[in-house]
Amino acid sequence: MSEDASDGSAGDADDLTHTTEDGDVQMVDVGDKPDSERRAVAAGEIRLQSSTIEAIRADEVGKGDVLATARIGAIQAVKHTWETIPMCHQIPITNVDTEFALDEDRIELRVTVETTGKTGCEMEALEGVTTGLNVVWDMVKAVEKNDAGQYPETGIENVRVVSKEKDRI
């Protein structure tokens, strides 16, 4: 697949495609666009205590298998993005891949989404990452809390689109 062409400029308000001339919000009409094979990769990380990482590695978290549950959550989020992001189109997801990397104090989640259609899938990849990381947090929150019930060492960070590609068919 080839990379999307872009000049990298930010553009201005006249370039906004989700608003009418009157400033009303609208969904972009993609009906006349040709179908393309599309792929997007997003990533993010959750910062955790090292003892929590060890409990995840040893499958000793009371709620169950943290990464398996987060994987399911990420995939579900990808499939339902159009229901949570108001201007996203419902697209046919052809593949979702999730990859976790555990470090001493964090877990990185990378989500790859593939589709064949008229619009990209980077929002789906981002939804997969954020939901997958939220599931990790939910699964480990009991051991991440301090004595005051707060999460001083826990945080979701560096969520980003790593790449997006499209190849006309």
N, C-alpha and C. Protein backbone atom coordinates (compact mmCIF):
# COMPACT_ATOMS: atom_id res chain seq x y z
N MET A 1 0.83 -1.17 0.00
CA MET A 1 0.00 0.00 0.00
C MET A 1 0.88 1.24 0.00
N SER A 2 0.40 2.29 -0.61
CA SER A 2 1.17 3.52 -0.67
C SER A 2 0.66 4.50 0.38
N GLU A 3 1.51 5.44 0.76
CA GLU A 3 1.17 6.40 1.80
C GLU A 3 0.24 7.46 1.23
N ASP A 4 -0.69 7.98 2.08
CA ASP A 4 -1.57 9.07 1.68
C ASP A 4 -0.74 10.28 1.29
N ALA A 5 -1.14 10.96 0.23
CA ALA A 5 -0.46 12.18 -0.18
C ALA A 5 -0.97 13.33 0.68
N SER A 6 -0.06 14.16 1.20
CA SER A 6 -0.45 15.31 2.00
C SER A 6 0.71 16.28 2.02
N ASP A 7 0.37 17.57 1.98
CA ASP A 7 1.43 18.56 2.04
C ASP A 7 1.80 18.92 3.46
N GLY A 8 1.06 18.35 4.42
CA GLY A 8 1.39 18.56 5.82
C GLY A 8 0.90 19.88 6.38
N SER A 9 0.26 20.74 5.56
CA SER A 9 -0.21 22.01 6.07
C SER A 9 -1.46 21.83 6.91
N ALA A 10 -1.64 22.72 7.86
CA ALA A 10 -2.76 22.61 8.78
C ALA A 10 -4.07 23.07 8.16
N GLY A 11 -4.02 23.95 7.17
CA GLY A 11 -5.24 24.45 6.55
C GLY A 11 -5.89 25.50 7.44
N ASP A 12 -7.08 26.00 6.99
CA ASP A 12 -7.80 26.97 7.78
C ASP A 12 -9.27 26.58 7.84
N ALA A 13 -10.08 27.44 8.43
CA ALA A 13 -11.50 27.12 8.64
C ALA A 13 -12.22 26.83 7.33
N ASP A 14 -11.80 27.45 6.23
CA ASP A 14 -12.44 27.19 4.94
C ASP A 14 -12.23 25.77 4.46
N ASP A 15 -11.22 25.08 5.01
CA ASP A 15 -10.92 23.71 4.61
C ASP A 15 -11.68 22.67 5.42
N LEU A 16 -12.45 23.10 6.42
CA LEU A 16 -13.18 22.15 7.26
C LEU A 16 -14.25 21.46 6.44
N THR A 17 -14.23 20.13 6.45
CA THR A 17 -15.17 19.37 5.63
C THR A 17 -16.39 18.92 6.40
N HIS A 18 -16.42 19.11 7.71
CA HIS A 18 -17.54 18.67 8.52
C HIS A 18 -18.50 19.80 8.87
N THR A 19 -18.37 20.94 8.16
CA THR A 19 -19.29 22.05 8.40
C THR A 19 -19.79 22.59 7.07
N THR A 20 -21.02 23.11 7.11
CA THR A 20 -21.59 23.77 5.93
C THR A 20 -21.08 25.20 5.87
N GLU A 21 -21.44 25.93 4.81
CA GLU A 21 -21.05 27.34 4.72
C GLU A 21 -21.62 28.15 5.87
N ASP A 22 -22.76 27.70 6.43
CA ASP A 22 -23.38 28.39 7.55
C ASP A 22 -22.80 27.97 8.90
N GLY A 23 -21.86 27.04 8.89
CA GLY A 23 -21.24 26.59 10.13
C GLY A 23 -21.94 25.42 10.80
N ASP A 24 -22.94 24.85 10.13
CA ASP A 24 -23.63 23.69 10.69
C ASP A 24 -22.77 22.44 10.52
N VAL A 25 -22.81 21.56 11.51
CA VAL A 25 -22.06 20.32 11.44
C VAL A 25 -22.73 19.37 10.47
N GLN A 26 -21.93 18.66 9.68
CA GLN A 26 -22.46 17.70 8.73
C GLN A 26 -21.49 16.54 8.56
N MET A 27 -22.01 15.42 8.12
CA MET A 27 -21.16 14.28 7.78
C MET A 27 -20.66 14.48 6.35
N VAL A 28 -19.42 14.14 6.11
CA VAL A 28 -18.85 14.28 4.77
C VAL A 28 -19.46 13.23 3.85
N ASP A 29 -19.85 13.64 2.65
CA ASP A 29 -20.38 12.72 1.64
C ASP A 29 -19.20 12.07 0.93
N VAL A 30 -19.04 10.76 1.13
CA VAL A 30 -17.95 10.03 0.49
C VAL A 30 -18.46 9.14 -0.64
N GLY A 31 -19.73 9.31 -1.00
CA GLY A 31 -20.37 8.43 -1.98
C GLY A 31 -19.68 8.36 -3.32
N ASP A 32 -19.07 9.43 -3.77
CA ASP A 32 -18.42 9.44 -5.09
C ASP A 32 -16.96 9.02 -5.05
N LYS A 33 -16.42 8.79 -3.86
CA LYS A 33 -15.01 8.40 -3.76
C LYS A 33 -14.85 6.93 -4.17
N PRO A 34 -13.74 6.62 -4.80
CA PRO A 34 -13.49 5.21 -5.16
C PRO A 34 -13.10 4.40 -3.92
N ASP A 35 -13.41 3.11 -3.96
CA ASP A 35 -12.98 2.23 -2.89
C ASP A 35 -11.46 2.08 -2.92
N SER A 36 -10.89 2.02 -1.74
CA SER A 36 -9.45 1.84 -1.59
C SER A 36 -9.19 0.85 -0.47
N GLU A 37 -8.07 0.15 -0.57
CA GLU A 37 -7.61 -0.64 0.56
C GLU A 37 -6.93 0.33 1.51
N ARG A 38 -7.35 0.30 2.76
CA ARG A 38 -6.84 1.26 3.74
C ARG A 38 -6.35 0.54 4.98
N ARG A 39 -5.35 1.14 5.59
CA ARG A 39 -4.75 0.56 6.79
C ARG A 39 -4.31 1.72 7.68
N ALA A 40 -4.59 1.63 8.96
CA ALA A 40 -4.14 2.63 9.91
C ALA A 40 -3.57 1.92 11.14
N VAL A 41 -2.53 2.51 11.69
CA VAL A 41 -1.90 1.99 12.91
C VAL A 41 -1.89 3.13 13.92
N ALA A 42 -2.40 2.84 15.12
CA ALA A 42 -2.36 3.80 16.22
C ALA A 42 -1.70 3.11 17.41
N ALA A 43 -1.15 3.92 18.30
CA ALA A 43 -0.48 3.38 19.48
C ALA A 43 -0.68 4.32 20.66
N GLY A 44 -0.50 3.78 21.82
CA GLY A 44 -0.55 4.56 23.05
C GLY A 44 -0.01 3.70 24.17
N GLU A 45 0.12 4.28 25.36
CA GLU A 45 0.66 3.51 26.47
C GLU A 45 -0.03 3.88 27.77
N ILE A 46 0.00 2.94 28.68
CA ILE A 46 -0.49 3.18 30.03
C ILE A 46 0.67 2.98 30.99
N ARG A 47 0.89 4.00 31.80
CA ARG A 47 1.95 3.96 32.80
C ARG A 47 1.38 3.30 34.05
N LEU A 48 2.08 2.30 34.58
CA LEU A 48 1.64 1.54 35.74
C LEU A 48 2.80 1.32 36.71
N GLN A 49 2.48 0.92 37.92
CA GLN A 49 3.52 0.54 38.87
C GLN A 49 4.20 -0.74 38.38
N SER A 50 5.46 -0.89 38.67
CA SER A 50 6.18 -2.08 38.22
C SER A 50 5.58 -3.35 38.83
N SER A 51 5.06 -3.26 40.03
CA SER A 51 4.43 -4.44 40.65
C SER A 51 3.16 -4.85 39.88
N THR A 52 2.47 -3.89 39.32
CA THR A 52 1.29 -4.20 38.52
C THR A 52 1.69 -4.89 37.22
N ILE A 53 2.76 -4.40 36.61
CA ILE A 53 3.26 -5.04 35.37
C ILE A 53 3.62 -6.50 35.66
N GLU A 54 4.29 -6.73 36.78
CA GLU A 54 4.67 -8.10 37.14
C GLU A 54 3.44 -8.98 37.38
N ALA A 55 2.41 -8.43 38.00
CA ALA A 55 1.18 -9.19 38.23
C ALA A 55 0.50 -9.53 36.90
N ILE A 56 0.56 -8.62 35.94
CA ILE A 56 0.00 -8.89 34.61
C ILE A 56 0.80 -9.99 33.92
N ARG A 57 2.12 -9.89 33.97
CA ARG A 57 2.98 -10.90 33.35
C ARG A 57 2.70 -12.29 33.94
N ALA A 58 2.48 -12.35 35.25
CA ALA A 58 2.28 -13.62 35.95
C ALA A 58 0.82 -14.07 35.94
N ASP A 59 -0.04 -13.31 35.29
CA ASP A 59 -1.49 -13.59 35.25
C ASP A 59 -2.04 -13.74 36.67
N GLU A 60 -1.68 -12.77 37.52
CA GLU A 60 -2.10 -12.80 38.93
C GLU A 60 -3.01 -11.63 39.29
N VAL A 61 -3.70 -11.08 38.29
CA VAL A 61 -4.64 -9.99 38.55
C VAL A 61 -6.00 -10.61 38.83
N GLY A 62 -6.60 -10.21 39.94
CA GLY A 62 -7.84 -10.84 40.41
C GLY A 62 -8.99 -10.84 39.42
N LYS A 63 -9.09 -9.84 38.56
CA LYS A 63 -10.20 -9.76 37.61
C LYS A 63 -10.03 -10.71 36.43
N GLY A 64 -8.82 -11.24 36.21
CA GLY A 64 -8.61 -12.17 35.10
C GLY A 64 -7.47 -11.74 34.21
N ASP A 65 -7.44 -12.30 33.02
CA ASP A 65 -6.38 -12.05 32.04
C ASP A 65 -6.52 -10.64 31.48
N VAL A 66 -5.65 -9.75 31.94
CA VAL A 66 -5.74 -8.34 31.60
C VAL A 66 -5.59 -8.11 30.10
N LEU A 67 -4.57 -8.68 29.49
CA LEU A 67 -4.31 -8.39 28.07
C LEU A 67 -5.36 -9.03 27.16
N ALA A 68 -5.84 -10.21 27.50
CA ALA A 68 -6.88 -10.84 26.68
C ALA A 68 -8.16 -10.00 26.74
N THR A 69 -8.49 -9.51 27.92
CA THR A 69 -9.69 -8.69 28.06
C THR A 69 -9.52 -7.36 27.33
N ALA A 70 -8.34 -6.76 27.45
CA ALA A 70 -8.07 -5.50 26.75
C ALA A 70 -8.11 -5.68 25.24
N ARG A 71 -7.63 -6.81 24.76
CA ARG A 71 -7.66 -7.11 23.32
C ARG A 71 -9.11 -7.15 22.82
N ILE A 72 -9.98 -7.83 23.57
CA ILE A 72 -11.39 -7.90 23.19
C ILE A 72 -12.02 -6.51 23.21
N GLY A 73 -11.72 -5.73 24.24
CA GLY A 73 -12.24 -4.37 24.31
C GLY A 73 -11.79 -3.51 23.16
N ALA A 74 -10.52 -3.63 22.78
CA ALA A 74 -9.98 -2.85 21.66
C ALA A 74 -10.70 -3.21 20.37
N ILE A 75 -10.87 -4.49 20.12
CA ILE A 75 -11.52 -4.93 18.89
C ILE A 75 -12.98 -4.46 18.87
N GLN A 76 -13.67 -4.60 19.99
CA GLN A 76 -15.06 -4.13 20.06
C GLN A 76 -15.14 -2.63 19.77
N ALA A 77 -14.22 -1.86 20.33
CA ALA A 77 -14.22 -0.41 20.11
C ALA A 77 -14.01 -0.08 18.64
N VAL A 78 -13.10 -0.78 17.98
CA VAL A 78 -12.87 -0.56 16.55
C VAL A 78 -14.17 -0.75 15.79
N LYS A 79 -14.88 -1.82 16.09
CA LYS A 79 -16.09 -2.16 15.36
C LYS A 79 -17.25 -1.19 15.62
N HIS A 80 -17.17 -0.45 16.74
CA HIS A 80 -18.27 0.45 17.11
C HIS A 80 -17.89 1.93 17.06
N THR A 81 -16.79 2.27 16.43
CA THR A 81 -16.34 3.65 16.39
C THR A 81 -17.41 4.58 15.83
N TRP A 82 -18.07 4.18 14.78
CA TRP A 82 -19.09 5.01 14.14
C TRP A 82 -20.22 5.37 15.11
N GLU A 83 -20.38 4.61 16.18
CA GLU A 83 -21.43 4.90 17.15
C GLU A 83 -20.99 5.92 18.22
N THR A 84 -19.70 6.13 18.35
CA THR A 84 -19.21 7.02 19.41
C THR A 84 -18.57 8.30 18.88
N ILE A 85 -18.09 8.30 17.66
CA ILE A 85 -17.53 9.51 17.04
C ILE A 85 -18.59 10.02 16.06
N PRO A 86 -19.23 11.14 16.36
CA PRO A 86 -20.43 11.55 15.63
C PRO A 86 -20.31 11.61 14.11
N MET A 87 -19.20 12.04 13.55
CA MET A 87 -19.13 12.22 12.10
C MET A 87 -18.41 11.07 11.37
N CYS A 88 -18.12 9.98 12.08
CA CYS A 88 -17.48 8.83 11.44
C CYS A 88 -18.50 8.01 10.67
N HIS A 89 -18.07 7.51 9.52
CA HIS A 89 -18.90 6.59 8.75
C HIS A 89 -18.77 5.18 9.31
N GLN A 90 -19.80 4.40 9.15
CA GLN A 90 -19.71 2.98 9.48
C GLN A 90 -18.96 2.32 8.32
N ILE A 91 -17.83 1.70 8.62
CA ILE A 91 -17.01 1.12 7.56
C ILE A 91 -16.87 -0.38 7.76
N PRO A 92 -16.62 -1.10 6.66
CA PRO A 92 -16.42 -2.55 6.79
C PRO A 92 -15.00 -2.85 7.27
N ILE A 93 -14.88 -3.32 8.49
CA ILE A 93 -13.56 -3.66 9.04
C ILE A 93 -13.18 -5.04 8.50
N THR A 94 -12.04 -5.11 7.84
CA THR A 94 -11.59 -6.40 7.29
C THR A 94 -10.57 -7.09 8.19
N ASN A 95 -9.90 -6.31 9.06
CA ASN A 95 -8.93 -6.92 9.96
C ASN A 95 -8.60 -5.96 11.09
N VAL A 96 -8.39 -6.51 12.29
CA VAL A 96 -7.90 -5.76 13.44
C VAL A 96 -6.79 -6.59 14.06
N ASP A 97 -5.66 -5.96 14.31
CA ASP A 97 -4.56 -6.62 14.98
C ASP A 97 -4.18 -5.78 16.20
N THR A 98 -4.00 -6.43 17.33
CA THR A 98 -3.58 -5.74 18.55
C THR A 98 -2.25 -6.33 19.00
N GLU A 99 -1.37 -5.45 19.43
CA GLU A 99 -0.05 -5.89 19.88
C GLU A 99 0.32 -5.15 21.16
N PHE A 100 0.59 -5.90 22.21
CA PHE A 100 0.99 -5.33 23.49
C PHE A 100 2.49 -5.51 23.69
N ALA A 101 3.13 -4.48 24.24
CA ALA A 101 4.54 -4.56 24.62
C ALA A 101 4.63 -4.11 26.08
N LEU A 102 5.11 -5.00 26.93
CA LEU A 102 5.23 -4.70 28.36
C LEU A 102 6.66 -4.26 28.66
N ASP A 103 6.76 -3.12 29.32
CA ASP A 103 8.04 -2.60 29.78
C ASP A 103 8.01 -2.63 31.30
N GLU A 104 9.03 -2.11 31.93
CA GLU A 104 9.10 -2.15 33.39
C GLU A 104 7.99 -1.36 34.06
N ASP A 105 7.61 -0.21 33.46
CA ASP A 105 6.62 0.66 34.10
C ASP A 105 5.48 1.08 33.17
N ARG A 106 5.32 0.37 32.07
CA ARG A 106 4.26 0.74 31.14
C ARG A 106 3.94 -0.40 30.18
N ILE A 107 2.76 -0.29 29.59
CA ILE A 107 2.35 -1.21 28.53
C ILE A 107 2.01 -0.37 27.33
N GLU A 108 2.59 -0.70 26.19
CA GLU A 108 2.21 -0.05 24.95
C GLU A 108 1.23 -0.95 24.22
N LEU A 109 0.20 -0.33 23.66
CA LEU A 109 -0.75 -1.04 22.82
C LEU A 109 -0.71 -0.42 21.44
N ARG A 110 -0.56 -1.27 20.44
CA ARG A 110 -0.56 -0.85 19.04
C ARG A 110 -1.72 -1.57 18.37
N VAL A 111 -2.59 -0.81 17.71
CA VAL A 111 -3.76 -1.37 17.04
C VAL A 111 -3.67 -1.05 15.56
N THR A 112 -3.77 -2.09 14.74
CA THR A 112 -3.78 -1.94 13.29
C THR A 112 -5.17 -2.31 12.79
N VAL A 113 -5.73 -1.44 11.96
CA VAL A 113 -7.06 -1.65 11.40
C VAL A 113 -6.95 -1.62 9.89
N GLU A 114 -7.65 -2.55 9.24
CA GLU A 114 -7.69 -2.58 7.78
C GLU A 114 -9.13 -2.58 7.31
N THR A 115 -9.37 -1.93 6.18
CA THR A 115 -10.69 -1.86 5.58
C THR A 115 -10.54 -1.69 4.07
N THR A 116 -11.60 -1.96 3.36
CA THR A 116 -11.69 -1.62 1.95
C THR A 116 -12.94 -0.76 1.82
N GLY A 117 -12.73 0.49 1.47
CA GLY A 117 -13.88 1.39 1.40
C GLY A 117 -13.50 2.77 0.93
N LYS A 118 -14.38 3.73 1.24
CA LYS A 118 -14.27 5.08 0.73
C LYS A 118 -13.66 6.08 1.70
N THR A 119 -13.40 5.63 2.92
CA THR A 119 -12.85 6.54 3.92
C THR A 119 -11.86 5.77 4.81
N GLY A 120 -10.99 6.51 5.46
CA GLY A 120 -9.92 5.91 6.24
C GLY A 120 -10.38 5.29 7.54
N CYS A 121 -9.44 4.66 8.24
CA CYS A 121 -9.77 3.93 9.46
C CYS A 121 -8.88 4.33 10.63
N GLU A 122 -8.31 5.55 10.58
CA GLU A 122 -7.46 5.97 11.69
C GLU A 122 -8.25 6.24 12.97
N MET A 123 -9.49 6.71 12.85
CA MET A 123 -10.29 6.92 14.06
C MET A 123 -10.60 5.58 14.72
N GLU A 124 -10.83 4.55 13.91
CA GLU A 124 -11.07 3.22 14.47
C GLU A 124 -9.85 2.71 15.21
N ALA A 125 -8.66 2.94 14.64
CA ALA A 125 -7.43 2.51 15.31
C ALA A 125 -7.24 3.26 16.63
N LEU A 126 -7.52 4.57 16.63
CA LEU A 126 -7.41 5.36 17.86
C LEU A 126 -8.41 4.90 18.91
N GLU A 127 -9.63 4.62 18.51
CA GLU A 127 -10.64 4.11 19.44
C GLU A 127 -10.20 2.78 20.04
N GLY A 128 -9.61 1.93 19.22
CA GLY A 128 -9.12 0.65 19.72
C GLY A 128 -8.05 0.84 20.78
N VAL A 129 -7.13 1.76 20.53
CA VAL A 129 -6.05 2.01 21.49
C VAL A 129 -6.61 2.57 22.80
N THR A 130 -7.41 3.61 22.70
CA THR A 130 -7.88 4.25 23.94
C THR A 130 -8.76 3.31 24.76
N THR A 131 -9.64 2.57 24.09
CA THR A 131 -10.48 1.64 24.84
C THR A 131 -9.67 0.49 25.40
N GLY A 132 -8.75 -0.06 24.61
CA GLY A 132 -7.91 -1.15 25.12
C GLY A 132 -7.13 -0.73 26.35
N LEU A 133 -6.59 0.49 26.34
CA LEU A 133 -5.84 0.98 27.50
C LEU A 133 -6.77 1.26 28.68
N ASN A 134 -7.97 1.75 28.41
CA ASN A 134 -8.95 1.94 29.48
C ASN A 134 -9.33 0.61 30.13
N VAL A 135 -9.42 -0.44 29.33
CA VAL A 135 -9.72 -1.77 29.87
C VAL A 135 -8.59 -2.24 30.78
N VAL A 136 -7.34 -2.02 30.35
CA VAL A 136 -6.21 -2.37 31.22
C VAL A 136 -6.37 -1.65 32.55
N TRP A 137 -6.64 -0.35 32.51
CA TRP A 137 -6.79 0.44 33.74
C TRP A 137 -7.89 -0.16 34.61
N ASP A 138 -9.03 -0.45 34.00
CA ASP A 138 -10.15 -1.02 34.76
C ASP A 138 -9.77 -2.35 35.41
N MET A 139 -9.03 -3.17 34.71
CA MET A 139 -8.65 -4.49 35.22
C MET A 139 -7.68 -4.40 36.40
N VAL A 140 -6.86 -3.34 36.44
CA VAL A 140 -5.81 -3.26 37.48
C VAL A 140 -6.04 -2.15 38.49
N LYS A 141 -7.16 -1.47 38.42
CA LYS A 141 -7.34 -0.29 39.27
C LYS A 141 -7.25 -0.61 40.76
N ALA A 142 -7.66 -1.79 41.15
CA ALA A 142 -7.60 -2.14 42.59
C ALA A 142 -6.16 -2.13 43.11
N VAL A 143 -5.21 -2.56 42.29
CA VAL A 143 -3.82 -2.60 42.75
C VAL A 143 -3.06 -1.32 42.41
N GLU A 144 -3.61 -0.47 41.57
CA GLU A 144 -2.97 0.79 41.23
C GLU A 144 -3.30 1.91 42.21
N LYS A 145 -4.40 1.80 42.92
CA LYS A 145 -4.82 2.85 43.86
C LYS A 145 -3.84 2.96 45.02
N ASN A 146 -3.63 4.19 45.49
CA ASN A 146 -2.84 4.37 46.70
C ASN A 146 -3.78 4.32 47.91
N ASP A 147 -3.25 4.57 49.09
CA ASP A 147 -4.05 4.49 50.32
C ASP A 147 -5.21 5.48 50.34
N ALA A 148 -5.09 6.56 49.60
CA ALA A 148 -6.16 7.56 49.54
C ALA A 148 -7.16 7.27 48.41
N GLY A 149 -6.96 6.15 47.71
CA GLY A 149 -7.88 5.79 46.62
C GLY A 149 -7.61 6.51 45.32
N GLN A 150 -6.42 7.09 45.20
CA GLN A 150 -6.05 7.85 44.00
C GLN A 150 -5.08 7.05 43.13
N TYR A 151 -4.82 7.54 41.94
CA TYR A 151 -3.94 6.87 40.97
C TYR A 151 -2.74 7.76 40.61
N PRO A 152 -1.84 8.02 41.54
CA PRO A 152 -0.75 8.97 41.26
C PRO A 152 0.27 8.48 40.23
N GLU A 153 0.39 7.18 40.02
CA GLU A 153 1.39 6.66 39.07
C GLU A 153 0.78 6.14 37.78
N THR A 154 -0.54 6.18 37.68
CA THR A 154 -1.23 5.59 36.54
C THR A 154 -1.59 6.67 35.55
N GLY A 155 -1.35 6.43 34.27
CA GLY A 155 -1.74 7.41 33.27
C GLY A 155 -1.69 6.84 31.86
N ILE A 156 -2.63 7.25 31.04
CA ILE A 156 -2.64 6.90 29.62
C ILE A 156 -1.98 8.06 28.88
N GLU A 157 -0.99 7.73 28.06
CA GLU A 157 -0.17 8.76 27.43
C GLU A 157 0.16 8.41 25.98
N ASN A 158 0.57 9.45 25.27
CA ASN A 158 1.20 9.29 23.96
C ASN A 158 0.33 8.54 22.96
N VAL A 159 -0.98 8.79 22.99
CA VAL A 159 -1.88 8.18 22.01
C VAL A 159 -1.72 8.93 20.69
N ARG A 160 -1.48 8.17 19.62
CA ARG A 160 -1.19 8.81 18.34
C ARG A 160 -1.46 7.88 17.18
N VAL A 161 -1.62 8.47 16.00
CA VAL A 161 -1.67 7.69 14.76
C VAL A 161 -0.23 7.52 14.32
N VAL A 162 0.20 6.29 14.20
CA VAL A 162 1.57 5.98 13.79
C VAL A 162 1.69 6.07 12.27
N SER A 163 0.68 5.53 11.58
CA SER A 163 0.70 5.59 10.11
C SER A 163 -0.69 5.34 9.57
N LYS A 164 -0.91 5.82 8.36
CA LYS A 164 -2.13 5.49 7.61
C LYS A 164 -1.75 5.38 6.15
N GLU A 165 -2.38 4.42 5.51
CA GLU A 165 -2.05 4.12 4.12
C GLU A 165 -3.32 3.90 3.33
N LYS A 166 -3.24 4.19 2.04
CA LYS A 166 -4.35 3.83 1.15
C LYS A 166 -3.80 3.47 -0.20
N ASP A 167 -4.45 2.49 -0.79
CA ASP A 167 -4.03 2.01 -2.10
C ASP A 167 -5.28 1.80 -2.93
N ARG A 168 -5.43 2.57 -3.97
CA ARG A 168 -6.62 2.45 -4.84
C ARG A 168 -6.68 1.07 -5.46
N ILE A 169 -7.88 0.53 -5.56
CA ILE A 169 -8.06 -0.78 -6.18
C ILE A 169 -8.77 -0.66 -7.51
